[in-house]
Protein backbone atom coordinates (compact mmCIF):
# COMPACT_ATOMS: atom_id res chain seq x y z
CA UNK A 1 -8.59 -1.87 23.97
CA UNK A 2 -7.27 0.56 20.96
CA UNK A 3 -7.39 4.57 22.82
CA UNK A 4 -9.30 7.13 19.87
CA UNK A 5 -6.85 9.50 18.79
CA UNK A 6 -7.91 13.09 19.46
CA UNK A 7 -6.73 15.22 16.74
CA UNK A 8 -5.36 18.93 17.66
CA UNK A 9 -8.10 21.59 17.50
CA UNK A 10 -5.47 23.73 15.44
CA UNK A 11 -2.81 21.98 13.58
CA UNK A 12 0.84 23.49 13.89
CA UNK A 13 2.10 22.90 10.28
CA UNK A 14 0.90 22.62 7.00
CA UNK A 15 -1.98 19.65 7.17
CA UNK A 16 -1.43 18.66 3.41
CA UNK A 17 2.32 18.37 3.96
CA UNK A 18 1.68 16.07 7.07
CA UNK A 19 -0.61 14.30 5.32
CA UNK A 20 1.56 13.57 2.36
CA UNK A 21 3.96 12.72 4.99
CA UNK A 22 1.90 9.97 6.59
CA UNK A 23 0.89 8.69 3.59
CA UNK A 24 4.42 8.03 2.33
CA UNK A 25 5.31 6.55 5.77
CA UNK A 26 2.43 4.30 5.79
CA UNK A 27 2.80 3.03 2.08
CA UNK A 28 6.63 2.24 2.93
CA UNK A 29 6.16 0.62 6.28
CA UNK A 30 3.07 -1.70 4.92
CA UNK A 31 4.77 -2.55 2.01
CA UNK A 32 7.73 -3.90 4.16
CA UNK A 33 5.35 -5.54 6.56
CA UNK A 34 3.60 -7.36 3.31
CA UNK A 35 6.94 -8.30 1.94
CA UNK A 36 8.44 -10.04 5.53
CA UNK A 37 4.86 -11.89 5.95
CA UNK A 38 5.26 -13.23 2.28
CA UNK A 39 8.53 -14.03 2.85
CA UNK A 40 7.68 -16.05 5.94
CA UNK A 41 4.79 -17.48 4.34
CA UNK A 42 7.29 -18.99 1.53
CA UNK A 43 9.20 -20.40 4.50
CA UNK A 44 6.50 -22.17 5.54
CA UNK A 45 5.87 -23.88 2.61
CA UNK A 46 8.53 -26.43 3.56
CA UNK A 47 6.38 -27.49 6.61
CA UNK A 48 2.75 -26.39 5.77
CA UNK A 49 0.41 -28.78 7.74
CA UNK A 50 1.85 -28.30 11.43
CA UNK A 51 2.58 -24.75 10.78
CA UNK A 52 -1.10 -23.80 9.44
CA UNK A 53 -2.10 -21.24 12.26
CA UNK A 54 1.10 -19.23 11.69
CA UNK A 55 0.25 -19.17 7.95
CA UNK A 56 -3.11 -17.47 8.29
CA UNK A 57 -1.77 -15.26 10.55
CA UNK A 58 0.78 -13.68 8.20
CA UNK A 59 -2.17 -13.96 5.64
CA UNK A 60 -4.12 -11.43 7.99
CA UNK A 61 -0.97 -9.13 8.29
CA UNK A 62 -0.96 -9.14 4.36
CA UNK A 63 -4.52 -8.35 4.30
CA UNK A 64 -4.48 -6.11 7.09
CA UNK A 65 -1.61 -4.10 5.76
CA UNK A 66 -3.22 -3.54 2.43
CA UNK A 67 -6.39 -2.50 4.06
CA UNK A 68 -4.54 0.27 5.98
CA UNK A 69 -2.51 1.60 2.90
CA UNK A 70 -5.73 1.41 0.67
CA UNK A 71 -7.58 3.60 3.56
CA UNK A 72 -4.76 6.07 3.92
CA UNK A 73 -4.30 6.22 0.13
CA UNK A 74 -8.03 6.78 -0.31
CA UNK A 75 -7.98 9.89 2.63
CA UNK A 76 -4.99 11.49 1.15
CA UNK A 77 -6.50 11.39 -2.52
CA UNK A 78 -9.43 12.91 -1.18
CA UNK A 79 -7.58 15.91 0.02
CA UNK A 80 -5.17 16.00 -3.21
CA UNK A 81 -2.43 14.92 -0.77
CA UNK A 82 -1.59 11.62 -1.67
CA UNK A 83 2.42 10.32 -2.16
CA UNK A 84 2.97 9.44 -5.68
CA UNK A 85 5.61 7.06 -6.39
CA UNK A 86 7.20 8.39 -9.73
CA UNK A 87 8.99 5.44 -10.29
CA UNK A 88 6.42 3.00 -9.95
CA UNK A 89 3.83 5.14 -12.24
CA UNK A 90 6.74 5.41 -14.91
CA UNK A 91 6.86 1.29 -14.91
CA UNK A 92 3.13 1.35 -15.11
CA UNK A 93 3.02 3.42 -17.83
CA UNK A 94 5.30 1.08 -19.56
CA UNK A 95 3.38 -1.68 -18.83
CA UNK A 96 0.70 -0.53 -20.10
CA UNK A 97 2.12 0.88 -23.35
CA UNK A 98 3.74 -2.79 -23.94
CA UNK A 99 0.37 -4.34 -23.17
CA UNK A 100 -1.39 -2.30 -25.93
CA UNK A 101 1.36 -2.51 -28.25
CA UNK A 102 1.23 -6.48 -28.01
CA UNK A 103 -2.50 -6.06 -28.42
CA UNK A 104 -3.08 -3.74 -30.81
CA UNK A 105 -5.12 -1.40 -29.16
CA UNK A 106 -5.06 2.04 -28.50
CA UNK A 107 -3.64 3.66 -24.99
CA UNK A 108 -6.04 5.41 -22.54
CA UNK A 109 -5.09 8.10 -20.78
CA UNK A 110 -5.93 7.44 -16.62
CA UNK A 111 -6.51 10.48 -14.89
């Protein structure tokens, strides 16, 4: 049975900085776990019929990691402490620009 974590009455550090760090760590960890699970799923493609249970478990791992990441991201964003991956943001910006250039549409600024 999982134990409920009881927060300290008075945080010893800066709570916003702490949440930023937790957000970054969870994102890194969940991305790594999802990558491992997806790689294992790809390997299972060689003998899917006898290992369906393992494939289903790996799918649950991927889904759970995504859920945790989304929840932590949302919580961090509500207090303005979310980790921003500048590299990923730059890539997204370039992809949006390419999409709009290909389709002749106006770019909409998000945020």
